[in-house]
Amino acid sequence: MDELWIPIVAIVCAVGLPILLLIVLVVRTTRTKHEERMAMIEKGMILEEPERKANKYNALRNGLLMIGLSLGAICGIALDETMSSDWQGFTVVIFTVLGGGIAYLAYFFIVLKMIEKEKEQ
């Protein structure tokens, strides 16, 4: 029974501590922003919400991401047979992440060109 506690504590520490740290950071950031806003209100400053623009290209981003991930997975599966036994299975993950990264880069450059064309018109 004592041997069972070691992996349980290790998993709880490895997963729980980063999550706890993230929660603490979010709470402190939110509290700081709130206190700052309240101080500005007390001094009589007018607060304006920053204008947020909706992303018009969500469908393009999601479509390119899915295509990139699937092409990366296909390449990883195809190349998995050629790798040594140490790397088998890992190539699928590597190429899937690589495909997603390439898809995001393609999305960035496509949207950049589209925004430039909109500014010209």
PDB file of N, CA and C in Angstrom:
ATOM      1  N   MET A   1       0.815  -1.198   0.000  1.00  0.00           N
ATOM      2  CA  MET A   1       0.000   0.000   0.000  1.00  0.00           C
ATOM      3  C   MET A   1       0.859   1.262   0.000  1.00  0.00           C
ATOM      4  N   ASP A   2       1.989   1.214   0.698  1.00  0.00           N
ATOM      5  CA  ASP A   2       2.869   2.375   0.737  1.00  0.00           C
ATOM      6  C   ASP A   2       3.453   2.689  -0.633  1.00  0.00           C
ATOM      7  N   GLU A   3       3.672   1.663  -1.432  1.00  0.00           N
ATOM      8  CA  GLU A   3       4.248   1.876  -2.761  1.00  0.00           C
ATOM      9  C   GLU A   3       3.263   2.548  -3.702  1.00  0.00           C
ATOM     10  N   LEU A   4       1.991   2.445  -3.407  1.00  0.00           N
ATOM     11  CA  LEU A   4       0.974   3.060  -4.253  1.00  0.00           C
ATOM     12  C   LEU A   4       0.942   4.582  -4.095  1.00  0.00           C
ATOM     13  N   TRP A   5       1.305   5.104  -2.946  1.00  0.00           N
ATOM     14  CA  TRP A   5       1.261   6.528  -2.676  1.00  0.00           C
ATOM     15  C   TRP A   5       2.287   7.324  -3.474  1.00  0.00           C
ATOM     16  N   ILE A   6       3.405   6.713  -3.784  1.00  0.00           N
ATOM     17  CA  ILE A   6       4.465   7.438  -4.496  1.00  0.00           C
ATOM     18  C   ILE A   6       3.992   7.915  -5.872  1.00  0.00           C
ATOM     19  N   PRO A   7       3.442   7.047  -6.738  1.00  0.00           N
ATOM     20  CA  PRO A   7       2.970   7.572  -8.027  1.00  0.00           C
ATOM     21  C   PRO A   7       1.772   8.505  -7.898  1.00  0.00           C
ATOM     22  N   ILE A   8       0.911   8.273  -6.903  1.00  0.00           N
ATOM     23  CA  ILE A   8      -0.243   9.148  -6.727  1.00  0.00           C
ATOM     24  C   ILE A   8       0.216  10.563  -6.365  1.00  0.00           C
ATOM     25  N   VAL A   9       1.141  10.658  -5.416  1.00  0.00           N
ATOM     26  CA  VAL A   9       1.655  11.974  -5.016  1.00  0.00           C
ATOM     27  C   VAL A   9       2.410  12.625  -6.176  1.00  0.00           C
ATOM     28  N   ALA A  10       3.157  11.845  -6.932  1.00  0.00           N
ATOM     29  CA  ALA A  10       3.896  12.394  -8.073  1.00  0.00           C
ATOM     30  C   ALA A  10       2.943  12.949  -9.121  1.00  0.00           C
ATOM     31  N   ILE A  11       1.876  12.235  -9.413  1.00  0.00           N
ATOM     32  CA  ILE A  11       0.913  12.706 -10.414  1.00  0.00           C
ATOM     33  C   ILE A  11       0.192  13.951  -9.916  1.00  0.00           C
ATOM     34  N   VAL A  12      -0.225  13.933  -8.661  1.00  0.00           N
ATOM     35  CA  VAL A  12      -0.917  15.098  -8.106  1.00  0.00           C
ATOM     36  C   VAL A  12      -0.002  16.322  -8.139  1.00  0.00           C
ATOM     37  N   CYS A  13       1.253  16.155  -7.784  1.00  0.00           N
ATOM     38  CA  CYS A  13       2.191  17.283  -7.796  1.00  0.00           C
ATOM     39  C   CYS A  13       2.494  17.747  -9.216  1.00  0.00           C
ATOM     40  N   ALA A  14       2.668  16.808 -10.130  1.00  0.00           N
ATOM     41  CA  ALA A  14       3.019  17.169 -11.506  1.00  0.00           C
ATOM     42  C   ALA A  14       1.861  17.841 -12.231  1.00  0.00           C
ATOM     43  N   VAL A  15       0.643  17.469 -11.906  1.00  0.00           N
ATOM     44  CA  VAL A  15      -0.522  18.046 -12.582  1.00  0.00           C
ATOM     45  C   VAL A  15      -1.137  19.163 -11.739  1.00  0.00           C
ATOM     46  N   GLY A  16      -1.256  18.925 -10.455  1.00  0.00           N
ATOM     47  CA  GLY A  16      -1.954  19.858  -9.584  1.00  0.00           C
ATOM     48  C   GLY A  16      -1.228  21.160  -9.348  1.00  0.00           C
ATOM     49  N   LEU A  17       0.071  21.115  -9.168  1.00  0.00           N
ATOM     50  CA  LEU A  17       0.817  22.341  -8.889  1.00  0.00           C
ATOM     51  C   LEU A  17       0.789  23.349 -10.045  1.00  0.00           C
ATOM     52  N   PRO A  18       1.004  22.915 -11.294  1.00  0.00           N
ATOM     53  CA  PRO A  18       0.880  23.903 -12.386  1.00  0.00           C
ATOM     54  C   PRO A  18      -0.537  24.470 -12.508  1.00  0.00           C
ATOM     55  N   ILE A  19      -1.540  23.635 -12.282  1.00  0.00           N
ATOM     56  CA  ILE A  19      -2.915  24.130 -12.355  1.00  0.00           C
ATOM     57  C   ILE A  19      -3.171  25.124 -11.231  1.00  0.00           C
ATOM     58  N   LEU A  20      -2.719  24.813 -10.049  1.00  0.00           N
ATOM     59  CA  LEU A  20      -2.873  25.717  -8.908  1.00  0.00           C
ATOM     60  C   LEU A  20      -2.146  27.036  -9.164  1.00  0.00           C
ATOM     61  N   LEU A  21      -0.946  26.972  -9.714  1.00  0.00           N
ATOM     62  CA  LEU A  21      -0.192  28.178 -10.045  1.00  0.00           C
ATOM     63  C   LEU A  21      -0.940  29.029 -11.071  1.00  0.00           C
ATOM     64  N   LEU A  22      -1.511  28.395 -12.069  1.00  0.00           N
ATOM     65  CA  LEU A  22      -2.272  29.111 -13.091  1.00  0.00           C
ATOM     66  C   LEU A  22      -3.483  29.797 -12.471  1.00  0.00           C
ATOM     67  N   ILE A  23      -4.189  29.100 -11.594  1.00  0.00           N
ATOM     68  CA  ILE A  23      -5.358  29.690 -10.940  1.00  0.00           C
ATOM     69  C   ILE A  23      -4.948  30.900 -10.105  1.00  0.00           C
ATOM     70  N   VAL A  24      -3.868  30.775  -9.357  1.00  0.00           N
ATOM     71  CA  VAL A  24      -3.396  31.891  -8.527  1.00  0.00           C
ATOM     72  C   VAL A  24      -3.027  33.088  -9.400  1.00  0.00           C
ATOM     73  N   LEU A  25      -2.341  32.852 -10.503  1.00  0.00           N
ATOM     74  CA  LEU A  25      -1.955  33.956 -11.395  1.00  0.00           C
ATOM     75  C   LEU A  25      -3.167  34.653 -11.998  1.00  0.00           C
ATOM     76  N   VAL A  26      -4.160  33.884 -12.411  1.00  0.00           N
ATOM     77  CA  VAL A  26      -5.369  34.471 -12.992  1.00  0.00           C
ATOM     78  C   VAL A  26      -6.111  35.305 -11.957  1.00  0.00           C
ATOM     79  N   VAL A  27      -6.240  34.780 -10.741  1.00  0.00           N
ATOM     80  CA  VAL A  27      -6.943  35.520  -9.687  1.00  0.00           C
ATOM     81  C   VAL A  27      -6.201  36.810  -9.350  1.00  0.00           C
ATOM     82  N   ARG A  28      -4.885  36.748  -9.216  1.00  0.00           N
ATOM     83  CA  ARG A  28      -4.114  37.955  -8.881  1.00  0.00           C
ATOM     84  C   ARG A  28      -4.195  38.987  -9.997  1.00  0.00           C
ATOM     85  N   THR A  29      -4.130  38.545 -11.249  1.00  0.00           N
ATOM     86  CA  THR A  29      -4.219  39.467 -12.380  1.00  0.00           C
ATOM     87  C   THR A  29      -5.588  40.135 -12.421  1.00  0.00           C
ATOM     88  N   THR A  30      -6.624  39.342 -12.227  1.00  0.00           N
ATOM     89  CA  THR A  30      -7.980  39.893 -12.234  1.00  0.00           C
ATOM     90  C   THR A  30      -8.172  40.881 -11.093  1.00  0.00           C
ATOM     91  N   ARG A  31      -7.689  40.533  -9.909  1.00  0.00           N
ATOM     92  CA  ARG A  31      -7.819  41.419  -8.755  1.00  0.00           C
ATOM     93  C   ARG A  31      -7.051  42.718  -8.980  1.00  0.00           C
ATOM     94  N   THR A  32      -5.862  42.636  -9.549  1.00  0.00           N
ATOM     95  CA  THR A  32      -5.062  43.838  -9.807  1.00  0.00           C
ATOM     96  C   THR A  32      -5.763  44.760 -10.804  1.00  0.00           C
ATOM     97  N   LYS A  33      -6.300  44.180 -11.867  1.00  0.00           N
ATOM     98  CA  LYS A  33      -7.021  44.998 -12.847  1.00  0.00           C
ATOM     99  C   LYS A  33      -8.238  45.662 -12.213  1.00  0.00           C
ATOM    100  N   HIS A  34      -8.946  44.905 -11.380  1.00  0.00           N
ATOM    101  CA  HIS A  34     -10.122  45.461 -10.712  1.00  0.00           C
ATOM    102  C   HIS A  34      -9.737  46.625  -9.798  1.00  0.00           C
ATOM    103  N   GLU A  35      -8.689  46.440  -9.001  1.00  0.00           N
ATOM    104  CA  GLU A  35      -8.247  47.501  -8.099  1.00  0.00           C
ATOM    105  C   GLU A  35      -7.802  48.738  -8.868  1.00  0.00           C
ATOM    106  N   GLU A  36      -7.132  48.519  -9.986  1.00  0.00           N
ATOM    107  CA  GLU A  36      -6.680  49.636 -10.813  1.00  0.00           C
ATOM    108  C   GLU A  36      -7.870  50.405 -11.377  1.00  0.00           C
ATOM    109  N   ARG A  37      -8.859  49.680 -11.857  1.00  0.00           N
ATOM    110  CA  ARG A  37     -10.055  50.325 -12.410  1.00  0.00           C
ATOM    111  C   ARG A  37     -10.811  51.091 -11.323  1.00  0.00           C
ATOM    112  N   MET A  38     -10.909  50.502 -10.130  1.00  0.00           N
ATOM    113  CA  MET A  38     -11.614  51.170  -9.039  1.00  0.00           C
ATOM    114  C   MET A  38     -10.884  52.446  -8.621  1.00  0.00           C
ATOM    115  N   ALA A  39      -9.554  52.421  -8.604  1.00  0.00           N
ATOM    116  CA  ALA A  39      -8.779  53.613  -8.268  1.00  0.00           C
ATOM    117  C   ALA A  39      -8.994  54.704  -9.314  1.00  0.00           C
ATOM    118  N   MET A  40      -9.070  54.312 -10.569  1.00  0.00           N
ATOM    119  CA  MET A  40      -9.306  55.294 -11.624  1.00  0.00           C
ATOM    120  C   MET A  40     -10.702  55.894 -11.500  1.00  0.00           C
ATOM    121  N   ILE A  41     -11.685  55.080 -11.145  1.00  0.00           N
ATOM    122  CA  ILE A  41     -13.043  55.585 -10.971  1.00  0.00           C
ATOM    123  C   ILE A  41     -13.101  56.555  -9.798  1.00  0.00           C
ATOM    124  N   GLU A  42     -12.424  56.223  -8.701  1.00  0.00           N
ATOM    125  CA  GLU A  42     -12.420  57.099  -7.533  1.00  0.00           C
ATOM    126  C   GLU A  42     -11.779  58.453  -7.834  1.00  0.00           C
ATOM    127  N   LYS A  43     -10.802  58.477  -8.737  1.00  0.00           N
ATOM    128  CA  LYS A  43     -10.151  59.737  -9.098  1.00  0.00           C
ATOM    129  C   LYS A  43     -10.958  60.515 -10.136  1.00  0.00           C
ATOM    130  N   GLY A  44     -12.037  59.915 -10.626  1.00  0.00           N
ATOM    131  CA  GLY A  44     -12.902  60.609 -11.580  1.00  0.00           C
ATOM    132  C   GLY A  44     -12.482  60.460 -13.019  1.00  0.00           C
ATOM    133  N   MET A  45     -11.635  59.540 -13.308  1.00  0.00           N
ATOM    134  CA  MET A  45     -11.202  59.336 -14.690  1.00  0.00           C
ATOM    135  C   MET A  45     -12.281  58.549 -15.432  1.00  0.00           C
ATOM    136  N   ILE A  46     -12.453  58.901 -16.683  1.00  0.00           N
ATOM    137  CA  ILE A  46     -13.441  58.219 -17.505  1.00  0.00           C
ATOM    138  C   ILE A  46     -12.789  56.978 -18.117  1.00  0.00           C
ATOM    139  N   LEU A  47     -13.427  55.858 -17.898  1.00  0.00           N
ATOM    140  CA  LEU A  47     -12.888  54.603 -18.414  1.00  0.00           C
ATOM    141  C   LEU A  47     -13.588  54.242 -19.715  1.00  0.00           C
ATOM    142  N   GLU A  48     -12.803  53.939 -20.686  1.00  0.00           N
ATOM    143  CA  GLU A  48     -13.349  53.505 -21.959  1.00  0.00           C
ATOM    144  C   GLU A  48     -12.875  52.094 -22.227  1.00  0.00           C
ATOM    145  N   GLU A  49     -13.801  51.277 -22.623  1.00  0.00           N
ATOM    146  CA  GLU A  49     -13.452  49.905 -22.965  1.00  0.00           C
ATOM    147  C   GLU A  49     -12.738  49.901 -24.309  1.00  0.00           C
ATOM    148  N   PRO A  50     -11.657  49.142 -24.419  1.00  0.00           N
ATOM    149  CA  PRO A  50     -10.983  49.064 -25.716  1.00  0.00           C
ATOM    150  C   PRO A  50     -11.894  48.384 -26.733  1.00  0.00           C
ATOM    151  N   GLU A  51     -11.854  48.923 -27.922  1.00  0.00           N
ATOM    152  CA  GLU A  51     -12.704  48.384 -28.973  1.00  0.00           C
ATOM    153  C   GLU A  51     -12.122  47.072 -29.484  1.00  0.00           C
ATOM    154  N   ARG A  52     -12.923  46.043 -29.420  1.00  0.00           N
ATOM    155  CA  ARG A  52     -12.469  44.726 -29.886  1.00  0.00           C
ATOM    156  C   ARG A  52     -13.100  44.427 -31.232  1.00  0.00           C
ATOM    157  N   LYS A  53     -12.273  44.044 -32.135  1.00  0.00           N
ATOM    158  CA  LYS A  53     -12.767  43.683 -33.462  1.00  0.00           C
ATOM    159  C   LYS A  53     -12.962  42.175 -33.523  1.00  0.00           C
ATOM    160  N   ALA A  54     -14.082  41.781 -34.049  1.00  0.00           N
ATOM    161  CA  ALA A  54     -14.348  40.355 -34.196  1.00  0.00           C
ATOM    162  C   ALA A  54     -13.497  39.809 -35.338  1.00  0.00           C
ATOM    163  N   ASN A  55     -12.991  38.605 -35.154  1.00  0.00           N
ATOM    164  CA  ASN A  55     -12.183  37.966 -36.191  1.00  0.00           C
ATOM    165  C   ASN A  55     -13.115  37.465 -37.284  1.00  0.00           C
ATOM    166  N   LYS A  56     -12.976  38.027 -38.486  1.00  0.00           N
ATOM    167  CA  LYS A  56     -13.826  37.629 -39.597  1.00  0.00           C
ATOM    168  C   LYS A  56     -13.361  36.329 -40.240  1.00  0.00           C
ATOM    169  N   TYR A  57     -12.181  35.873 -39.876  1.00  0.00           N
ATOM    170  CA  TYR A  57     -11.584  34.753 -40.592  1.00  0.00           C
ATOM    171  C   TYR A  57     -11.485  33.489 -39.728  1.00  0.00           C
ATOM    172  N   ASN A  58     -12.423  33.304 -38.801  1.00  0.00           N
ATOM    173  CA  ASN A  58     -12.393  32.108 -37.954  1.00  0.00           C
ATOM    174  C   ASN A  58     -12.516  30.827 -38.765  1.00  0.00           C
ATOM    175  N   ALA A  59     -13.410  30.827 -39.724  1.00  0.00           N
ATOM    176  CA  ALA A  59     -13.625  29.622 -40.523  1.00  0.00           C
ATOM    177  C   ALA A  59     -12.369  29.276 -41.328  1.00  0.00           C
ATOM    178  N   LEU A  60     -11.712  30.297 -41.865  1.00  0.00           N
ATOM    179  CA  LEU A  60     -10.473  30.064 -42.606  1.00  0.00           C
ATOM    180  C   LEU A  60      -9.413  29.469 -41.702  1.00  0.00           C
ATOM    181  N   ARG A  61      -9.246  30.043 -40.498  1.00  0.00           N
ATOM    182  CA  ARG A  61      -8.255  29.541 -39.549  1.00  0.00           C
ATOM    183  C   ARG A  61      -8.551  28.094 -39.159  1.00  0.00           C
ATOM    184  N   ASN A  62      -9.794  27.825 -38.815  1.00  0.00           N
ATOM    185  CA  ASN A  62     -10.136  26.473 -38.383  1.00  0.00           C
ATOM    186  C   ASN A  62      -9.996  25.462 -39.516  1.00  0.00           C
ATOM    187  N   GLY A  63     -10.392  25.858 -40.717  1.00  0.00           N
ATOM    188  CA  GLY A  63     -10.252  24.960 -41.859  1.00  0.00           C
ATOM    189  C   GLY A  63      -8.798  24.654 -42.172  1.00  0.00           C
ATOM    190  N   LEU A  64      -7.965  25.686 -42.199  1.00  0.00           N
ATOM    191  CA  LEU A  64      -6.540  25.467 -42.461  1.00  0.00           C
ATOM    192  C   LEU A  64      -5.892  24.630 -41.364  1.00  0.00           C
ATOM    193  N   LEU A  65      -6.304  24.856 -40.119  1.00  0.00           N
ATOM    194  CA  LEU A  65      -5.741  24.076 -39.016  1.00  0.00           C
ATOM    195  C   LEU A  65      -6.105  22.603 -39.154  1.00  0.00           C
ATOM    196  N   MET A  66      -7.350  22.310 -39.453  1.00  0.00           N
ATOM    197  CA  MET A  66      -7.765  20.909 -39.595  1.00  0.00           C
ATOM    198  C   MET A  66      -7.051  20.233 -40.771  1.00  0.00           C
ATOM    199  N   ILE A  67      -6.918  20.964 -41.870  1.00  0.00           N
ATOM    200  CA  ILE A  67      -6.196  20.407 -43.020  1.00  0.00           C
ATOM    201  C   ILE A  67      -4.737  20.163 -42.661  1.00  0.00           C
ATOM    202  N   GLY A  68      -4.114  21.127 -41.999  1.00  0.00           N
ATOM    203  CA  GLY A  68      -2.704  20.978 -41.617  1.00  0.00           C
ATOM    204  C   GLY A  68      -2.492  19.821 -40.649  1.00  0.00           C
ATOM    205  N   LEU A  69      -3.374  19.697 -39.654  1.00  0.00           N
ATOM    206  CA  LEU A  69      -3.237  18.596 -38.699  1.00  0.00           C
ATOM    207  C   LEU A  69      -3.432  17.245 -39.372  1.00  0.00           C
ATOM    208  N   SER A  70      -4.431  17.161 -40.243  1.00  0.00           N
ATOM    209  CA  SER A  70      -4.671  15.871 -40.896  1.00  0.00           C
ATOM    210  C   SER A  70      -3.555  15.511 -41.873  1.00  0.00           C
ATOM    211  N   LEU A  71      -3.045  16.481 -42.625  1.00  0.00           N
ATOM    212  CA  LEU A  71      -1.927  16.188 -43.526  1.00  0.00           C
ATOM    213  C   LEU A  71      -0.673  15.819 -42.743  1.00  0.00           C
ATOM    214  N   GLY A  72      -0.458  16.482 -41.618  1.00  0.00           N
ATOM    215  CA  GLY A  72       0.675  16.133 -40.770  1.00  0.00           C
ATOM    216  C   GLY A  72       0.545  14.726 -40.214  1.00  0.00           C
ATOM    217  N   ALA A  73      -0.660  14.354 -39.790  1.00  0.00           N
ATOM    218  CA  ALA A  73      -0.882  13.003 -39.271  1.00  0.00           C
ATOM    219  C   ALA A  73      -0.675  11.958 -40.358  1.00  0.00           C
ATOM    220  N   ILE A  74      -1.145  12.254 -41.557  1.00  0.00           N
ATOM    221  CA  ILE A  74      -0.964  11.315 -42.676  1.00  0.00           C
ATOM    222  C   ILE A  74       0.521  11.138 -42.986  1.00  0.00           C
ATOM    223  N   CYS A  75       1.263  12.233 -43.030  1.00  0.00           N
ATOM    224  CA  CYS A  75       2.703  12.143 -43.283  1.00  0.00           C
ATOM    225  C   CYS A  75       3.407  11.393 -42.158  1.00  0.00           C
ATOM    226  N   GLY A  76       3.001  11.658 -40.929  1.00  0.00           N
ATOM    227  CA  GLY A  76       3.603  10.966 -39.794  1.00  0.00           C
ATOM    228  C   GLY A  76       3.339   9.475 -39.826  1.00  0.00           C
ATOM    229  N   ILE A  77       2.133   9.087 -40.193  1.00  0.00           N
ATOM    230  CA  ILE A  77       1.800   7.660 -40.285  1.00  0.00           C
ATOM    231  C   ILE A  77       2.581   7.012 -41.415  1.00  0.00           C
ATOM    232  N   ALA A  78       2.703   7.718 -42.550  1.00  0.00           N
ATOM    233  CA  ALA A  78       3.433   7.163 -43.688  1.00  0.00           C
ATOM    234  C   ALA A  78       4.918   7.009 -43.373  1.00  0.00           C
ATOM    235  N   LEU A  79       5.486   7.946 -42.644  1.00  0.00           N
ATOM    236  CA  LEU A  79       6.916   7.893 -42.336  1.00  0.00           C
ATOM    237  C   LEU A  79       7.226   7.088 -41.084  1.00  0.00           C
ATOM    238  N   ASP A  80       6.201   6.705 -40.349  1.00  0.00           N
ATOM    239  CA  ASP A  80       6.411   5.971 -39.106  1.00  0.00           C
ATOM    240  C   ASP A  80       7.067   4.609 -39.368  1.00  0.00           C
ATOM    241  N   GLU A  81       6.764   4.026 -40.486  1.00  0.00           N
ATOM    242  CA  GLU A  81       7.326   2.714 -40.823  1.00  0.00           C
ATOM    243  C   GLU A  81       8.824   2.790 -41.115  1.00  0.00           C
ATOM    244  N   THR A  82       9.277   3.949 -41.592  1.00  0.00           N
ATOM    245  CA  THR A  82      10.674   4.074 -41.995  1.00  0.00           C
ATOM    246  C   THR A  82      11.602   4.407 -40.834  1.00  0.00           C
ATOM    247  N   MET A  83      11.044   4.816 -39.704  1.00  0.00           N
ATOM    248  CA  MET A  83      11.865   5.222 -38.566  1.00  0.00           C
ATOM    249  C   MET A  83      12.342   4.010 -37.772  1.00  0.00           C
ATOM    250  N   SER A  84      13.388   4.227 -37.003  1.00  0.00           N
ATOM    251  CA  SER A  84      13.876   3.154 -36.138  1.00  0.00           C
ATOM    252  C   SER A  84      12.859   2.912 -35.027  1.00  0.00           C
ATOM    253  N   SER A  85      13.002   1.820 -34.336  1.00  0.00           N
ATOM    254  CA  SER A  85      12.011   1.438 -33.335  1.00  0.00           C
ATOM    255  C   SER A  85      11.930   2.452 -32.187  1.00  0.00           C
ATOM    256  N   ASP A  86      12.996   3.206 -31.961  1.00  0.00           N
ATOM    257  CA  ASP A  86      12.970   4.213 -30.902  1.00  0.00           C
ATOM    258  C   ASP A  86      12.022   5.365 -31.235  1.00  0.00           C
ATOM    259  N   TRP A  87      11.872   5.675 -32.503  1.00  0.00           N
ATOM    260  CA  TRP A  87      11.091   6.828 -32.926  1.00  0.00           C
ATOM    261  C   TRP A  87       9.680   6.476 -33.379  1.00  0.00           C
ATOM    262  N   GLN A  88       9.366   5.196 -33.512  1.00  0.00           N
ATOM    263  CA  GLN A  88       8.043   4.821 -34.021  1.00  0.00           C
ATOM    264  C   GLN A  88       6.952   5.322 -33.087  1.00  0.00           C
ATOM    265  N   GLY A  89       5.913   5.861 -33.656  1.00  0.00           N
ATOM    266  CA  GLY A  89       4.824   6.444 -32.895  1.00  0.00           C
ATOM    267  C   GLY A  89       5.037   7.918 -32.613  1.00  0.00           C
ATOM    268  N   PHE A  90       6.261   8.315 -32.426  1.00  0.00           N
ATOM    269  CA  PHE A  90       6.562   9.703 -32.120  1.00  0.00           C
ATOM    270  C   PHE A  90       6.505  10.569 -33.373  1.00  0.00           C
ATOM    271  N   THR A  91       6.773   9.969 -34.536  1.00  0.00           N
ATOM    272  CA  THR A  91       6.753  10.740 -35.782  1.00  0.00           C
ATOM    273  C   THR A  91       5.346  11.251 -36.085  1.00  0.00           C
ATOM    274  N   VAL A  92       4.333  10.509 -35.708  1.00  0.00           N
ATOM    275  CA  VAL A  92       2.959  10.957 -35.948  1.00  0.00           C
ATOM    276  C   VAL A  92       2.703  12.245 -35.173  1.00  0.00           C
ATOM    277  N   VAL A  93       3.135  12.286 -33.928  1.00  0.00           N
ATOM    278  CA  VAL A  93       2.942  13.478 -33.099  1.00  0.00           C
ATOM    279  C   VAL A  93       3.736  14.650 -33.672  1.00  0.00           C
ATOM    280  N   ILE A  94       4.990  14.391 -34.032  1.00  0.00           N
ATOM    281  CA  ILE A  94       5.850  15.456 -34.557  1.00  0.00           C
ATOM    282  C   ILE A  94       5.251  16.065 -35.826  1.00  0.00           C
ATOM    283  N   PHE A  95       4.849  15.218 -36.755  1.00  0.00           N
ATOM    284  CA  PHE A  95       4.336  15.736 -38.016  1.00  0.00           C
ATOM    285  C   PHE A  95       2.957  16.360 -37.864  1.00  0.00           C
ATOM    286  N   THR A  96       2.152  15.905 -36.918  1.00  0.00           N
ATOM    287  CA  THR A  96       0.851  16.523 -36.680  1.00  0.00           C
ATOM    288  C   THR A  96       1.027  17.933 -36.140  1.00  0.00           C
ATOM    289  N   VAL A  97       1.919  18.110 -35.174  1.00  0.00           N
ATOM    290  CA  VAL A  97       2.188  19.444 -34.633  1.00  0.00           C
ATOM    291  C   VAL A  97       2.822  20.335 -35.705  1.00  0.00           C
ATOM    292  N   LEU A  98       3.725  19.783 -36.486  1.00  0.00           N
ATOM    293  CA  LEU A  98       4.343  20.541 -37.568  1.00  0.00           C
ATOM    294  C   LEU A  98       3.300  20.992 -38.583  1.00  0.00           C
ATOM    295  N   GLY A  99       2.375  20.105 -38.930  1.00  0.00           N
ATOM    296  CA  GLY A  99       1.303  20.470 -39.862  1.00  0.00           C
ATOM    297  C   GLY A  99       0.425  21.574 -39.312  1.00  0.00           C
ATOM    298  N   GLY A 100       0.130  21.517 -38.011  1.00  0.00           N
ATOM    299  CA  GLY A 100      -0.655  22.583 -37.391  1.00  0.00           C
ATOM    300  C   GLY A 100       0.086  23.913 -37.412  1.00  0.00           C
ATOM    301  N   GLY A 101       1.382  23.876 -37.140  1.00  0.00           N
ATOM    302  CA  GLY A 101       2.179  25.106 -37.176  1.00  0.00           C
ATOM    303  C   GLY A 101       2.252  25.709 -38.565  1.00  0.00           C
ATOM    304  N   ILE A 102       2.424  24.870 -39.553  1.00  0.00           N
ATOM    305  CA  ILE A 102       2.467  25.352 -40.939  1.00  0.00           C
ATOM    306  C   ILE A 102       1.118  25.938 -41.333  1.00  0.00           C
ATOM    307  N   ALA A 103       0.033  25.307 -40.864  1.00  0.00           N
ATOM    308  CA  ALA A 103      -1.304  25.822 -41.163  1.00  0.00           C
ATOM    309  C   ALA A 103      -1.514  27.199 -40.543  1.00  0.00           C
ATOM    310  N   TYR A 104      -1.044  27.396 -39.311  1.00  0.00           N
ATOM    311  CA  TYR A 104      -1.168  28.713 -38.685  1.00  0.00           C
ATOM    312  C   TYR A 104      -0.336  29.759 -39.424  1.00  0.00           C
ATOM    313  N   LEU A 105       0.847  29.390 -39.880  1.00  0.00           N
ATOM    314  CA  LEU A 105       1.655  30.332 -40.654  1.00  0.00           C
ATOM    315  C   LEU A 105       0.967  30.688 -41.969  1.00  0.00           C
ATOM    316  N   ALA A 106       0.394  29.689 -42.632  1.00  0.00           N
ATOM    317  CA  ALA A 106      -0.328  29.950 -43.878  1.00  0.00           C
ATOM    318  C   ALA A 106      -1.515  30.875 -43.608  1.00  0.00           C
ATOM    319  N   TYR A 107      -2.232  30.618 -42.526  1.00  0.00           N
ATOM    320  CA  TYR A 107      -3.366  31.472 -42.142  1.00  0.00           C
ATOM    321  C   TYR A 107      -2.911  32.914 -41.924  1.00  0.00           C
ATOM    322  N   PHE A 108      -1.812  33.082 -41.225  1.00  0.00           N
ATOM    323  CA  PHE A 108      -1.301  34.427 -40.943  1.00  0.00           C
ATOM    324  C   PHE A 108      -1.010  35.181 -42.231  1.00  0.00           C
ATOM    325  N   PHE A 109      -0.294  34.541 -43.160  1.00  0.00           N
ATOM    326  CA  PHE A 109       0.083  35.233 -44.385  1.00  0.00           C
ATOM    327  C   PHE A 109      -1.123  35.472 -45.294  1.00  0.00           C
ATOM    328  N   ILE A 110      -2.072  34.540 -45.320  1.00  0.00           N
ATOM    329  CA  ILE A 110      -3.276  34.737 -46.135  1.00  0.00           C
ATOM    330  C   ILE A 110      -4.088  35.908 -45.597  1.00  0.00           C
ATOM    331  N   VAL A 111      -4.290  35.961 -44.281  1.00  0.00           N
ATOM    332  CA  VAL A 111      -5.067  37.058 -43.686  1.00  0.00           C
ATOM    333  C   VAL A 111      -4.327  38.383 -43.847  1.00  0.00           C
ATOM    334  N   LEU A 112      -3.020  38.363 -43.742  1.00  0.00           N
ATOM    335  CA  LEU A 112      -2.236  39.582 -43.942  1.00  0.00           C
ATOM    336  C   LEU A 112      -2.480  40.142 -45.339  1.00  0.00           C
ATOM    337  N   LYS A 113      -2.453  39.280 -46.349  1.00  0.00           N
ATOM    338  CA  LYS A 113      -2.706  39.721 -47.728  1.00  0.00           C
ATOM    339  C   LYS A 113      -4.135  40.229 -47.875  1.00  0.00           C
ATOM    340  N   MET A 114      -5.097  39.549 -47.247  1.00  0.00           N
ATOM    341  CA  MET A 114      -6.496  39.959 -47.352  1.00  0.00           C
ATOM    342  C   MET A 114      -6.712  41.324 -46.703  1.00  0.00           C
ATOM    343  N   ILE A 115      -6.066  41.579 -45.580  1.00  0.00           N
ATOM    344  CA  ILE A 115      -6.198  42.871 -44.906  1.00  0.00           C
ATOM    345  C   ILE A 115      -5.572  43.976 -45.743  1.00  0.00           C
ATOM    346  N   GLU A 116      -4.426  43.686 -46.377  1.00  0.00           N
ATOM    347  CA  GLU A 116      -3.788  44.677 -47.245  1.00  0.00           C
ATOM    348  C   GLU A 116      -4.693  45.023 -48.422  1.00  0.00           C
ATOM    349  N   LYS A 117      -5.365  44.019 -48.991  1.00  0.00           N
ATOM    350  CA  LYS A 117      -6.267  44.278 -50.113  1.00  0.00           C
ATOM    351  C   LYS A 117      -7.464  45.107 -49.655  1.00  0.00           C
ATOM    352  N   GLU A 118      -7.966  44.855 -48.438  1.00  0.00           N
ATOM    353  CA  GLU A 118      -9.088  45.629 -47.923  1.00  0.00           C
ATOM    354  C   GLU A 118      -8.690  47.082 -47.705  1.00  0.00           C
ATOM    355  N   LYS A 119      -7.467  47.330 -47.246  1.00  0.00           N
ATOM    356  CA  LYS A 119      -7.006  48.703 -47.013  1.00  0.00           C
ATOM    357  C   LYS A 119      -6.852  49.462 -48.308  1.00  0.00           C
ATOM    358  N   GLU A 120      -6.481  48.769 -49.384  1.00  0.00           N
ATOM    359  CA  GLU A 120      -6.301  49.419 -50.678  1.00  0.00           C
ATOM    360  C   GLU A 120      -7.632  49.855 -51.267  1.00  0.00           C
ATOM    361  N   GLN A 121      -8.689  49.135 -50.973  1.00  0.00           N
ATOM    362  CA  GLN A 121      -9.991  49.451 -51.580  1.00  0.00           C
ATOM    363  C   GLN A 121     -10.739  50.500 -50.855  1.00  0.00           C
TER     364      GLN A 121
END
